[in-house]
Amino acid sequence: MLLSDYKFAPATEQQQFLYSKGRFLGFKRGKRNQYEHTALVQLEDVNSKEETTFYAGKRIAYLYRAPTAKKGTNVRCIWGRITRSHGNSGIVRAKFRHNLPPSAMGSSVRVMLYPSNI
């Protein structure tokens, strides 16, 4: 097949995803203690506490590549859920089924747009 035989989406259509992006910043902490069971996530295009209410209860996934393959793939996933907002600048708290590793700090996560509460 030639390249001209393929059908491409028109430039006016936007690609739609079932998730938005976020960044794992670190763990909830105080002056002396760190609580690894609660992760802090900065959501893309969310800059206020009021905007975070839409994301409360949404599922969140941290994808990473492992050195060995399981079930035919090296990609693995840690699932979690957004629990509440954190501060006034659009950061949220999330709890994962297994605590995120410290090496994941600064890496991206996927915030699934389900379950919907609309």
PDB file of N, CA and C in Angstrom:
ATOM      1  N   MET A   1       0.830  -1.191   0.000  1.00  0.00           N
ATOM      2  CA  MET A   1       0.000   0.000   0.000  1.00  0.00           C
ATOM      3  C   MET A   1       0.872   1.252   0.000  1.00  0.00           C
ATOM      4  N   LEU A   2       0.378   2.220  -0.689  1.00  0.00           N
ATOM      5  CA  LEU A   2       1.056   3.501  -0.720  1.00  0.00           C
ATOM      6  C   LEU A   2       0.569   4.371   0.428  1.00  0.00           C
ATOM      7  N   LEU A   3       1.354   5.358   0.752  1.00  0.00           N
ATOM      8  CA  LEU A   3       0.980   6.274   1.823  1.00  0.00           C
ATOM      9  C   LEU A   3      -0.309   7.014   1.497  1.00  0.00           C
ATOM     10  N   SER A   4      -0.562   7.250   0.208  1.00  0.00           N
ATOM     11  CA  SER A   4      -1.764   7.973  -0.192  1.00  0.00           C
ATOM     12  C   SER A   4      -3.031   7.124  -0.013  1.00  0.00           C
ATOM     13  N   ASP A   5      -2.871   5.810   0.141  1.00  0.00           N
ATOM     14  CA  ASP A   5      -4.030   4.934   0.323  1.00  0.00           C
ATOM     15  C   ASP A   5      -4.592   4.988   1.741  1.00  0.00           C
ATOM     16  N   TYR A   6      -3.798   5.433   2.706  1.00  0.00           N
ATOM     17  CA  TYR A   6      -4.252   5.498   4.089  1.00  0.00           C
ATOM     18  C   TYR A   6      -5.166   6.701   4.291  1.00  0.00           C
ATOM     19  N   LYS A   7      -6.144   6.525   5.152  1.00  0.00           N
ATOM     20  CA  LYS A   7      -7.047   7.622   5.475  1.00  0.00           C
ATOM     21  C   LYS A   7      -6.609   8.246   6.794  1.00  0.00           C
ATOM     22  N   PHE A   8      -6.397   9.530   6.764  1.00  0.00           N
ATOM     23  CA  PHE A   8      -5.987  10.256   7.951  1.00  0.00           C
ATOM     24  C   PHE A   8      -7.152  11.102   8.443  1.00  0.00           C
ATOM     25  N   ALA A   9      -7.184  11.317   9.748  1.00  0.00           N
ATOM     26  CA  ALA A   9      -8.227  12.168  10.315  1.00  0.00           C
ATOM     27  C   ALA A   9      -8.000  13.600   9.862  1.00  0.00           C
ATOM     28  N   PRO A  10      -9.071  14.327   9.573  1.00  0.00           N
ATOM     29  CA  PRO A  10      -8.914  15.733   9.192  1.00  0.00           C
ATOM     30  C   PRO A  10      -8.238  16.522  10.307  1.00  0.00           C
ATOM     31  N   ALA A  11      -7.569  17.580   9.931  1.00  0.00           N
ATOM     32  CA  ALA A  11      -6.816  18.372  10.896  1.00  0.00           C
ATOM     33  C   ALA A  11      -7.734  19.070  11.892  1.00  0.00           C
ATOM     34  N   THR A  12      -9.016  19.215  11.572  1.00  0.00           N
ATOM     35  CA  THR A  12      -9.920  19.920  12.473  1.00  0.00           C
ATOM     36  C   THR A  12     -10.349  19.049  13.649  1.00  0.00           C
ATOM     37  N   GLU A  13     -10.322  17.720  13.491  1.00  0.00           N
ATOM     38  CA  GLU A  13     -10.735  16.834  14.579  1.00  0.00           C
ATOM     39  C   GLU A  13      -9.623  16.732  15.615  1.00  0.00           C
ATOM     40  N   GLN A  14     -10.009  16.767  16.892  1.00  0.00           N
ATOM     41  CA  GLN A  14      -9.043  16.572  17.950  1.00  0.00           C
ATOM     42  C   GLN A  14      -9.089  15.130  18.392  1.00  0.00           C
ATOM     43  N   GLN A  15      -7.934  14.594  18.730  1.00  0.00           N
ATOM     44  CA  GLN A  15      -7.885  13.230  19.223  1.00  0.00           C
ATOM     45  C   GLN A  15      -8.422  13.213  20.650  1.00  0.00           C
ATOM     46  N   GLN A  16      -9.292  12.255  20.951  1.00  0.00           N
ATOM     47  CA  GLN A  16      -9.924  12.210  22.261  1.00  0.00           C
ATOM     48  C   GLN A  16      -9.402  11.019  23.045  1.00  0.00           C
ATOM     49  N   PHE A  17      -9.145  11.242  24.318  1.00  0.00           N
ATOM     50  CA  PHE A  17      -8.632  10.207  25.197  1.00  0.00           C
ATOM     51  C   PHE A  17      -9.604   9.999  26.349  1.00  0.00           C
ATOM     52  N   LEU A  18      -9.487   8.851  26.992  1.00  0.00           N
ATOM     53  CA  LEU A  18     -10.284   8.580  28.186  1.00  0.00           C
ATOM     54  C   LEU A  18      -9.527   8.952  29.450  1.00  0.00           C
ATOM     55  N   TYR A  19      -8.413   9.657  29.282  1.00  0.00           N
ATOM     56  CA  TYR A  19      -7.639  10.060  30.457  1.00  0.00           C
ATOM     57  C   TYR A  19      -7.022  11.422  30.220  1.00  0.00           C
ATOM     58  N   SER A  20      -6.683  12.081  31.326  1.00  0.00           N
ATOM     59  CA  SER A  20      -5.897  13.305  31.255  1.00  0.00           C
ATOM     60  C   SER A  20      -4.579  13.036  31.968  1.00  0.00           C
ATOM     61  N   LYS A  21      -3.630  13.922  31.775  1.00  0.00           N
ATOM     62  CA  LYS A  21      -2.304  13.682  32.318  1.00  0.00           C
ATOM     63  C   LYS A  21      -2.128  14.359  33.672  1.00  0.00           C
ATOM     64  N   GLY A  22      -1.215  13.816  34.444  1.00  0.00           N
ATOM     65  CA  GLY A  22      -0.852  14.392  35.724  1.00  0.00           C
ATOM     66  C   GLY A  22       0.607  14.096  36.003  1.00  0.00           C
ATOM     67  N   ARG A  23       1.148  14.728  37.038  1.00  0.00           N
ATOM     68  CA  ARG A  23       2.549  14.530  37.399  1.00  0.00           C
ATOM     69  C   ARG A  23       2.622  14.195  38.881  1.00  0.00           C
ATOM     70  N   PHE A  24       3.324  13.084  39.205  1.00  0.00           N
ATOM     71  CA  PHE A  24       3.514  12.667  40.597  1.00  0.00           C
ATOM     72  C   PHE A  24       4.613  13.536  41.208  1.00  0.00           C
ATOM     73  N   LEU A  25       4.236  14.357  42.180  1.00  0.00           N
ATOM     74  CA  LEU A  25       5.176  15.313  42.762  1.00  0.00           C
ATOM     75  C   LEU A  25       5.962  14.741  43.929  1.00  0.00           C
ATOM     76  N   GLY A  26       5.319  13.921  44.726  1.00  0.00           N
ATOM     77  CA  GLY A  26       5.959  13.383  45.928  1.00  0.00           C
ATOM     78  C   GLY A  26       4.889  12.842  46.856  1.00  0.00           C
ATOM     79  N   PHE A  27       5.253  12.684  48.118  1.00  0.00           N
ATOM     80  CA  PHE A  27       4.329  12.142  49.101  1.00  0.00           C
ATOM     81  C   PHE A  27       3.831  13.241  50.038  1.00  0.00           C
ATOM     82  N   LYS A  28       2.687  12.987  50.625  1.00  0.00           N
ATOM     83  CA  LYS A  28       2.169  13.889  51.658  1.00  0.00           C
ATOM     84  C   LYS A  28       3.176  13.876  52.801  1.00  0.00           C
ATOM     85  N   ARG A  29       3.448  15.040  53.365  1.00  0.00           N
ATOM     86  CA  ARG A  29       4.453  15.098  54.414  1.00  0.00           C
ATOM     87  C   ARG A  29       4.242  16.290  55.327  1.00  0.00           C
ATOM     88  N   GLY A  30       4.853  16.203  56.454  1.00  0.00           N
ATOM     89  CA  GLY A  30       4.905  17.302  57.398  1.00  0.00           C
ATOM     90  C   GLY A  30       6.331  17.823  57.462  1.00  0.00           C
ATOM     91  N   LYS A  31       6.640  18.474  58.536  1.00  0.00           N
ATOM     92  CA  LYS A  31       7.992  19.015  58.663  1.00  0.00           C
ATOM     93  C   LYS A  31       9.021  17.903  58.839  1.00  0.00           C
ATOM     94  N   ARG A  32       8.653  16.864  59.577  1.00  0.00           N
ATOM     95  CA  ARG A  32       9.594  15.791  59.869  1.00  0.00           C
ATOM     96  C   ARG A  32       9.172  14.437  59.319  1.00  0.00           C
ATOM     97  N   ASN A  33       7.875  14.211  59.131  1.00  0.00           N
ATOM     98  CA  ASN A  33       7.385  12.899  58.723  1.00  0.00           C
ATOM     99  C   ASN A  33       6.876  12.913  57.287  1.00  0.00           C
ATOM    100  N   GLN A  34       7.044  11.786  56.639  1.00  0.00           N
ATOM    101  CA  GLN A  34       6.544  11.600  55.281  1.00  0.00           C
ATOM    102  C   GLN A  34       5.571  10.427  55.289  1.00  0.00           C
ATOM    103  N   TYR A  35       4.433  10.599  54.601  1.00  0.00           N
ATOM    104  CA  TYR A  35       3.396   9.567  54.589  1.00  0.00           C
ATOM    105  C   TYR A  35       3.312   8.984  53.181  1.00  0.00           C
ATOM    106  N   GLU A  36       3.964   7.839  52.987  1.00  0.00           N
ATOM    107  CA  GLU A  36       4.085   7.258  51.650  1.00  0.00           C
ATOM    108  C   GLU A  36       2.777   6.707  51.110  1.00  0.00           C
ATOM    109  N   HIS A  37       1.779   6.511  51.983  1.00  0.00           N
ATOM    110  CA  HIS A  37       0.515   5.952  51.505  1.00  0.00           C
ATOM    111  C   HIS A  37      -0.338   6.976  50.767  1.00  0.00           C
ATOM    112  N   THR A  38       0.064   8.243  50.779  1.00  0.00           N
ATOM    113  CA  THR A  38      -0.686   9.288  50.075  1.00  0.00           C
ATOM    114  C   THR A  38       0.260  10.034  49.137  1.00  0.00           C
ATOM    115  N   ALA A  39      -0.057   9.991  47.849  1.00  0.00           N
ATOM    116  CA  ALA A  39       0.760  10.658  46.831  1.00  0.00           C
ATOM    117  C   ALA A  39       0.142  12.001  46.473  1.00  0.00           C
ATOM    118  N   LEU A  40       0.976  12.958  46.108  1.00  0.00           N
ATOM    119  CA  LEU A  40       0.527  14.270  45.638  1.00  0.00           C
ATOM    120  C   LEU A  40       0.698  14.327  44.131  1.00  0.00           C
ATOM    121  N   VAL A  41      -0.377  14.705  43.429  1.00  0.00           N
ATOM    122  CA  VAL A  41      -0.383  14.705  41.973  1.00  0.00           C
ATOM    123  C   VAL A  41      -0.837  16.071  41.474  1.00  0.00           C
ATOM    124  N   GLN A  42      -0.047  16.640  40.545  1.00  0.00           N
ATOM    125  CA  GLN A  42      -0.437  17.888  39.882  1.00  0.00           C
ATOM    126  C   GLN A  42      -1.150  17.517  38.591  1.00  0.00           C
ATOM    127  N   LEU A  43      -2.394  17.950  38.434  1.00  0.00           N
ATOM    128  CA  LEU A  43      -3.187  17.631  37.254  1.00  0.00           C
ATOM    129  C   LEU A  43      -2.952  18.662  36.165  1.00  0.00           C
ATOM    130  N   GLU A  44      -2.996  18.217  34.931  1.00  0.00           N
ATOM    131  CA  GLU A  44      -2.769  19.092  33.786  1.00  0.00           C
ATOM    132  C   GLU A  44      -3.942  20.052  33.623  1.00  0.00           C
ATOM    133  N   ASP A  45      -3.654  21.328  33.463  1.00  0.00           N
ATOM    134  CA  ASP A  45      -4.643  22.388  33.246  1.00  0.00           C
ATOM    135  C   ASP A  45      -5.605  22.558  34.412  1.00  0.00           C
ATOM    136  N   VAL A  46      -5.197  22.200  35.622  1.00  0.00           N
ATOM    137  CA  VAL A  46      -6.004  22.408  36.826  1.00  0.00           C
ATOM    138  C   VAL A  46      -5.186  23.303  37.743  1.00  0.00           C
ATOM    139  N   ASN A  47      -5.725  24.497  38.048  1.00  0.00           N
ATOM    140  CA  ASN A  47      -4.938  25.474  38.793  1.00  0.00           C
ATOM    141  C   ASN A  47      -5.616  26.001  40.044  1.00  0.00           C
ATOM    142  N   SER A  48      -6.781  25.451  40.410  1.00  0.00           N
ATOM    143  CA  SER A  48      -7.454  25.942  41.607  1.00  0.00           C
ATOM    144  C   SER A  48      -8.118  24.787  42.339  1.00  0.00           C
ATOM    145  N   LYS A  49      -8.436  25.048  43.580  1.00  0.00           N
ATOM    146  CA  LYS A  49      -9.072  24.035  44.414  1.00  0.00           C
ATOM    147  C   LYS A  49     -10.464  23.681  43.887  1.00  0.00           C
ATOM    148  N   GLU A  50     -11.169  24.657  43.331  1.00  0.00           N
ATOM    149  CA  GLU A  50     -12.522  24.417  42.833  1.00  0.00           C
ATOM    150  C   GLU A  50     -12.511  23.470  41.623  1.00  0.00           C
ATOM    151  N   GLU A  51     -11.478  23.545  40.802  1.00  0.00           N
ATOM    152  CA  GLU A  51     -11.397  22.697  39.614  1.00  0.00           C
ATOM    153  C   GLU A  51     -11.088  21.246  39.965  1.00  0.00           C
ATOM    154  N   THR A  52     -10.551  20.992  41.153  1.00  0.00           N
ATOM    155  CA  THR A  52     -10.200  19.624  41.529  1.00  0.00           C
ATOM    156  C   THR A  52     -11.409  18.790  41.942  1.00  0.00           C
ATOM    157  N   THR A  53     -12.538  19.430  42.235  1.00  0.00           N
ATOM    158  CA  THR A  53     -13.697  18.668  42.702  1.00  0.00           C
ATOM    159  C   THR A  53     -14.211  17.706  41.640  1.00  0.00           C
ATOM    160  N   PHE A  54     -14.028  18.031  40.356  1.00  0.00           N
ATOM    161  CA  PHE A  54     -14.441  17.124  39.286  1.00  0.00           C
ATOM    162  C   PHE A  54     -13.656  15.820  39.330  1.00  0.00           C
ATOM    163  N   TYR A  55     -12.396  15.873  39.750  1.00  0.00           N
ATOM    164  CA  TYR A  55     -11.513  14.714  39.710  1.00  0.00           C
ATOM    165  C   TYR A  55     -11.598  13.835  40.957  1.00  0.00           C
ATOM    166  N   ALA A  56     -12.297  14.275  41.982  1.00  0.00           N
ATOM    167  CA  ALA A  56     -12.400  13.471  43.212  1.00  0.00           C
ATOM    168  C   ALA A  56     -13.084  12.140  42.907  1.00  0.00           C
ATOM    169  N   GLY A  57     -12.449  11.046  43.294  1.00  0.00           N
ATOM    170  CA  GLY A  57     -12.989   9.713  43.065  1.00  0.00           C
ATOM    171  C   GLY A  57     -12.574   9.076  41.758  1.00  0.00           C
ATOM    172  N   LYS A  58     -11.881   9.830  40.888  1.00  0.00           N
ATOM    173  CA  LYS A  58     -11.458   9.283  39.606  1.00  0.00           C
ATOM    174  C   LYS A  58     -10.296   8.303  39.816  1.00  0.00           C
ATOM    175  N   ARG A  59     -10.192   7.315  38.913  1.00  0.00           N
ATOM    176  CA  ARG A  59      -9.114   6.344  38.986  1.00  0.00           C
ATOM    177  C   ARG A  59      -7.863   6.958  38.370  1.00  0.00           C
ATOM    178  N   ILE A  60      -6.728   6.515  38.872  1.00  0.00           N
ATOM    179  CA  ILE A  60      -5.455   7.058  38.431  1.00  0.00           C
ATOM    180  C   ILE A  60      -4.490   5.890  38.239  1.00  0.00           C
ATOM    181  N   ALA A  61      -3.669   5.948  37.203  1.00  0.00           N
ATOM    182  CA  ALA A  61      -2.768   4.844  36.871  1.00  0.00           C
ATOM    183  C   ALA A  61      -1.345   5.360  36.675  1.00  0.00           C
ATOM    184  N   TYR A  62      -0.395   4.662  37.296  1.00  0.00           N
ATOM    185  CA  TYR A  62       1.028   4.929  37.081  1.00  0.00           C
ATOM    186  C   TYR A  62       1.585   3.776  36.251  1.00  0.00           C
ATOM    187  N   LEU A  63       2.016   4.074  35.019  1.00  0.00           N
ATOM    188  CA  LEU A  63       2.564   3.063  34.120  1.00  0.00           C
ATOM    189  C   LEU A  63       4.085   3.143  34.147  1.00  0.00           C
ATOM    190  N   TYR A  64       4.732   1.970  34.156  1.00  0.00           N
ATOM    191  CA  TYR A  64       6.185   1.933  34.142  1.00  0.00           C
ATOM    192  C   TYR A  64       6.659   0.685  33.411  1.00  0.00           C
ATOM    193  N   ARG A  65       7.900   0.717  32.982  1.00  0.00           N
ATOM    194  CA  ARG A  65       8.483  -0.424  32.286  1.00  0.00           C
ATOM    195  C   ARG A  65       9.350  -1.210  33.260  1.00  0.00           C
ATOM    196  N   ALA A  66       9.100  -2.519  33.314  1.00  0.00           N
ATOM    197  CA  ALA A  66       9.869  -3.412  34.174  1.00  0.00           C
ATOM    198  C   ALA A  66      10.942  -4.106  33.342  1.00  0.00           C
ATOM    199  N   PRO A  67      12.025  -4.576  33.984  1.00  0.00           N
ATOM    200  CA  PRO A  67      13.085  -5.234  33.210  1.00  0.00           C
ATOM    201  C   PRO A  67      12.690  -6.595  32.652  1.00  0.00           C
ATOM    202  N   THR A  68      11.765  -7.297  33.281  1.00  0.00           N
ATOM    203  CA  THR A  68      11.350  -8.612  32.798  1.00  0.00           C
ATOM    204  C   THR A  68       9.905  -8.566  32.324  1.00  0.00           C
ATOM    205  N   ALA A  69       9.593  -9.396  31.352  1.00  0.00           N
ATOM    206  CA  ALA A  69       8.251  -9.424  30.780  1.00  0.00           C
ATOM    207  C   ALA A  69       7.348 -10.348  31.590  1.00  0.00           C
ATOM    208  N   LYS A  70       6.124  -9.907  31.820  1.00  0.00           N
ATOM    209  CA  LYS A  70       5.088 -10.739  32.434  1.00  0.00           C
ATOM    210  C   LYS A  70       3.859 -10.638  31.554  1.00  0.00           C
ATOM    211  N   LYS A  71       3.270 -11.772  31.239  1.00  0.00           N
ATOM    212  CA  LYS A  71       2.095 -11.830  30.365  1.00  0.00           C
ATOM    213  C   LYS A  71       2.388 -11.174  29.013  1.00  0.00           C
ATOM    214  N   GLY A  72       3.624 -11.316  28.545  1.00  0.00           N
ATOM    215  CA  GLY A  72       3.982 -10.853  27.215  1.00  0.00           C
ATOM    216  C   GLY A  72       4.324  -9.385  27.080  1.00  0.00           C
ATOM    217  N   THR A  73       4.411  -8.639  28.188  1.00  0.00           N
ATOM    218  CA  THR A  73       4.722  -7.215  28.087  1.00  0.00           C
ATOM    219  C   THR A  73       5.593  -6.780  29.266  1.00  0.00           C
ATOM    220  N   ASN A  74       6.394  -5.753  29.023  1.00  0.00           N
ATOM    221  CA  ASN A  74       7.233  -5.195  30.084  1.00  0.00           C
ATOM    222  C   ASN A  74       6.544  -4.054  30.811  1.00  0.00           C
ATOM    223  N   VAL A  75       5.409  -3.598  30.316  1.00  0.00           N
ATOM    224  CA  VAL A  75       4.699  -2.467  30.911  1.00  0.00           C
ATOM    225  C   VAL A  75       3.843  -2.962  32.068  1.00  0.00           C
ATOM    226  N   ARG A  76       3.964  -2.302  33.206  1.00  0.00           N
ATOM    227  CA  ARG A  76       3.163  -2.647  34.376  1.00  0.00           C
ATOM    228  C   ARG A  76       2.445  -1.391  34.866  1.00  0.00           C
ATOM    229  N   CYS A  77       1.462  -1.596  35.731  1.00  0.00           N
ATOM    230  CA  CYS A  77       0.602  -0.496  36.148  1.00  0.00           C
ATOM    231  C   CYS A  77       0.296  -0.603  37.633  1.00  0.00           C
ATOM    232  N   ILE A  78       0.310   0.524  38.317  1.00  0.00           N
ATOM    233  CA  ILE A  78      -0.155   0.605  39.704  1.00  0.00           C
ATOM    234  C   ILE A  78      -1.388   1.497  39.696  1.00  0.00           C
ATOM    235  N   TRP A  79      -2.518   0.965  40.158  1.00  0.00           N
ATOM    236  CA  TRP A  79      -3.787   1.695  40.146  1.00  0.00           C
ATOM    237  C   TRP A  79      -4.012   2.401  41.469  1.00  0.00           C
ATOM    238  N   GLY A  80      -4.716   3.513  41.408  1.00  0.00           N
ATOM    239  CA  GLY A  80      -5.068   4.259  42.600  1.00  0.00           C
ATOM    240  C   GLY A  80      -6.331   5.061  42.367  1.00  0.00           C
ATOM    241  N   ARG A  81      -6.645   5.919  43.336  1.00  0.00           N
ATOM    242  CA  ARG A  81      -7.847   6.726  43.261  1.00  0.00           C
ATOM    243  C   ARG A  81      -7.562   8.094  43.873  1.00  0.00           C
ATOM    244  N   ILE A  82      -8.084   9.137  43.256  1.00  0.00           N
ATOM    245  CA  ILE A  82      -7.938  10.499  43.795  1.00  0.00           C
ATOM    246  C   ILE A  82      -8.896  10.644  44.973  1.00  0.00           C
ATOM    247  N   THR A  83      -8.369  11.076  46.100  1.00  0.00           N
ATOM    248  CA  THR A  83      -9.181  11.145  47.313  1.00  0.00           C
ATOM    249  C   THR A  83      -9.703  12.544  47.607  1.00  0.00           C
ATOM    250  N   ARG A  84      -8.861  13.562  47.451  1.00  0.00           N
ATOM    251  CA  ARG A  84      -9.278  14.926  47.789  1.00  0.00           C
ATOM    252  C   ARG A  84      -8.265  15.915  47.246  1.00  0.00           C
ATOM    253  N   SER A  85      -8.563  17.202  47.417  1.00  0.00           N
ATOM    254  CA  SER A  85      -7.629  18.231  46.973  1.00  0.00           C
ATOM    255  C   SER A  85      -6.554  18.440  48.034  1.00  0.00           C
ATOM    256  N   HIS A  86      -5.492  19.133  47.638  1.00  0.00           N
ATOM    257  CA  HIS A  86      -4.385  19.412  48.549  1.00  0.00           C
ATOM    258  C   HIS A  86      -3.936  20.841  48.290  1.00  0.00           C
ATOM    259  N   GLY A  87      -4.246  21.732  49.197  1.00  0.00           N
ATOM    260  CA  GLY A  87      -3.871  23.126  49.016  1.00  0.00           C
ATOM    261  C   GLY A  87      -4.830  23.850  48.093  1.00  0.00           C
ATOM    262  N   ASN A  88      -4.392  24.985  47.579  1.00  0.00           N
ATOM    263  CA  ASN A  88      -5.255  25.844  46.765  1.00  0.00           C
ATOM    264  C   ASN A  88      -4.804  25.975  45.318  1.00  0.00           C
ATOM    265  N   SER A  89      -3.829  25.181  44.891  1.00  0.00           N
ATOM    266  CA  SER A  89      -3.261  25.393  43.559  1.00  0.00           C
ATOM    267  C   SER A  89      -3.484  24.225  42.606  1.00  0.00           C
ATOM    268  N   GLY A  90      -4.501  23.422  42.830  1.00  0.00           N
ATOM    269  CA  GLY A  90      -4.844  22.373  41.875  1.00  0.00           C
ATOM    270  C   GLY A  90      -4.122  21.059  42.069  1.00  0.00           C
ATOM    271  N   ILE A  91      -3.483  20.861  43.192  1.00  0.00           N
ATOM    272  CA  ILE A  91      -2.828  19.581  43.494  1.00  0.00           C
ATOM    273  C   ILE A  91      -3.832  18.709  44.240  1.00  0.00           C
ATOM    274  N   VAL A  92      -3.797  17.394  43.953  1.00  0.00           N
ATOM    275  CA  VAL A  92      -4.719  16.466  44.596  1.00  0.00           C
ATOM    276  C   VAL A  92      -3.930  15.385  45.337  1.00  0.00           C
ATOM    277  N   ARG A  93      -4.610  14.742  46.284  1.00  0.00           N
ATOM    278  CA  ARG A  93      -4.047  13.593  46.978  1.00  0.00           C
ATOM    279  C   ARG A  93      -4.608  12.331  46.355  1.00  0.00           C
ATOM    280  N   ALA A  94      -3.776  11.312  46.274  1.00  0.00           N
ATOM    281  CA  ALA A  94      -4.204  10.043  45.690  1.00  0.00           C
ATOM    282  C   ALA A  94      -3.646   8.901  46.518  1.00  0.00           C
ATOM    283  N   LYS A  95      -4.435   7.831  46.623  1.00  0.00           N
ATOM    284  CA  LYS A  95      -3.982   6.620  47.310  1.00  0.00           C
ATOM    285  C   LYS A  95      -3.915   5.503  46.285  1.00  0.00           C
ATOM    286  N   PHE A  96      -2.784   4.831  46.235  1.00  0.00           N
ATOM    287  CA  PHE A  96      -2.572   3.741  45.292  1.00  0.00           C
ATOM    288  C   PHE A  96      -2.660   2.405  46.024  1.00  0.00           C
ATOM    289  N   ARG A  97      -2.965   1.344  45.265  1.00  0.00           N
ATOM    290  CA  ARG A  97      -3.079   0.009  45.863  1.00  0.00           C
ATOM    291  C   ARG A  97      -1.752  -0.419  46.472  1.00  0.00           C
ATOM    292  N   HIS A  98      -0.659  -0.113  45.780  1.00  0.00           N
ATOM    293  CA  HIS A  98       0.686  -0.289  46.313  1.00  0.00           C
ATOM    294  C   HIS A  98       1.336   1.083  46.277  1.00  0.00           C
ATOM    295  N   ASN A  99       2.045   1.442  47.332  1.00  0.00           N
ATOM    296  CA  ASN A  99       2.670   2.764  47.368  1.00  0.00           C
ATOM    297  C   ASN A  99       3.590   2.944  46.166  1.00  0.00           C
ATOM    298  N   LEU A 100       3.591   4.155  45.621  1.00  0.00           N
ATOM    299  CA  LEU A 100       4.459   4.437  44.483  1.00  0.00           C
ATOM    300  C   LEU A 100       5.911   4.454  44.942  1.00  0.00           C
ATOM    301  N   PRO A 101       6.837   3.984  44.092  1.00  0.00           N
ATOM    302  CA  PRO A 101       8.253   4.021  44.464  1.00  0.00           C
ATOM    303  C   PRO A 101       8.794   5.452  44.402  1.00  0.00           C
ATOM    304  N   PRO A 102       9.788   5.766  45.205  1.00  0.00           N
ATOM    305  CA  PRO A 102      10.361   7.119  45.157  1.00  0.00           C
ATOM    306  C   PRO A 102      10.954   7.463  43.797  1.00  0.00           C
ATOM    307  N   SER A 103      11.380   6.461  43.028  1.00  0.00           N
ATOM    308  CA  SER A 103      11.934   6.727  41.703  1.00  0.00           C
ATOM    309  C   SER A 103      10.879   7.272  40.745  1.00  0.00           C
ATOM    310  N   ALA A 104       9.603   7.172  41.120  1.00  0.00           N
ATOM    311  CA  ALA A 104       8.519   7.664  40.268  1.00  0.00           C
ATOM    312  C   ALA A 104       8.280   9.158  40.428  1.00  0.00           C
ATOM    313  N   MET A 105       8.923   9.808  41.375  1.00  0.00           N
ATOM    314  CA  MET A 105       8.704  11.235  41.583  1.00  0.00           C
ATOM    315  C   MET A 105       9.081  12.021  40.336  1.00  0.00           C
ATOM    316  N   GLY A 106       8.180  12.874  39.890  1.00  0.00           N
ATOM    317  CA  GLY A 106       8.405  13.667  38.694  1.00  0.00           C
ATOM    318  C   GLY A 106       7.909  13.008  37.429  1.00  0.00           C
ATOM    319  N   SER A 107       7.483  11.752  37.516  1.00  0.00           N
ATOM    320  CA  SER A 107       7.013  11.065  36.315  1.00  0.00           C
ATOM    321  C   SER A 107       5.515  11.299  36.125  1.00  0.00           C
ATOM    322  N   SER A 108       5.032  10.946  34.942  1.00  0.00           N
ATOM    323  CA  SER A 108       3.639  11.228  34.619  1.00  0.00           C
ATOM    324  C   SER A 108       2.731  10.082  35.019  1.00  0.00           C
ATOM    325  N   VAL A 109       1.482  10.417  35.293  1.00  0.00           N
ATOM    326  CA  VAL A 109       0.434   9.446  35.601  1.00  0.00           C
ATOM    327  C   VAL A 109      -0.758   9.758  34.708  1.00  0.00           C
ATOM    328  N   ARG A 110      -1.637   8.770  34.574  1.00  0.00           N
ATOM    329  CA  ARG A 110      -2.858   8.956  33.795  1.00  0.00           C
ATOM    330  C   ARG A 110      -4.034   9.038  34.740  1.00  0.00           C
ATOM    331  N   VAL A 111      -4.829  10.084  34.593  1.00  0.00           N
ATOM    332  CA  VAL A 111      -6.040  10.255  35.391  1.00  0.00           C
ATOM    333  C   VAL A 111      -7.216   9.876  34.501  1.00  0.00           C
ATOM    334  N   MET A 112      -7.818   8.735  34.788  1.00  0.00           N
ATOM    335  CA  MET A 112      -8.931   8.261  33.976  1.00  0.00           C
ATOM    336  C   MET A 112     -10.161   9.123  34.242  1.00  0.00           C
ATOM    337  N   LEU A 113     -10.939   9.369  33.220  1.00  0.00           N
ATOM    338  CA  LEU A 113     -12.109  10.223  33.362  1.00  0.00           C
ATOM    339  C   LEU A 113     -13.341   9.413  33.745  1.00  0.00           C
ATOM    340  N   TYR A 114     -13.144   8.300  34.422  1.00  0.00           N
ATOM    341  CA  TYR A 114     -14.226   7.493  34.964  1.00  0.00           C
ATOM    342  C   TYR A 114     -13.827   7.081  36.364  1.00  0.00           C
ATOM    343  N   PRO A 115     -14.686   6.774  37.275  1.00  0.00           N
ATOM    344  CA  PRO A 115     -16.137   6.829  37.128  1.00  0.00           C
ATOM    345  C   PRO A 115     -16.647   8.260  37.074  1.00  0.00           C
ATOM    346  N   SER A 116     -17.700   8.464  36.296  1.00  0.00           N
ATOM    347  CA  SER A 116     -18.248   9.805  36.136  1.00  0.00           C
ATOM    348  C   SER A 116     -19.281  10.080  37.217  1.00  0.00           C
ATOM    349  N   ASN A 117     -19.257  11.279  37.750  1.00  0.00           N
ATOM    350  CA  ASN A 117     -20.256  11.665  38.754  1.00  0.00           C
ATOM    351  C   ASN A 117     -21.164  12.772  38.234  1.00  0.00           C
ATOM    352  N   ILE A 118     -21.252  12.898  36.912  1.00  0.00           N
ATOM    353  CA  ILE A 118     -22.106  13.918  36.318  1.00  0.00           C
ATOM    354  C   ILE A 118     -23.520  13.363  36.180  1.00  0.00           C
TER     355      ILE A 118
END
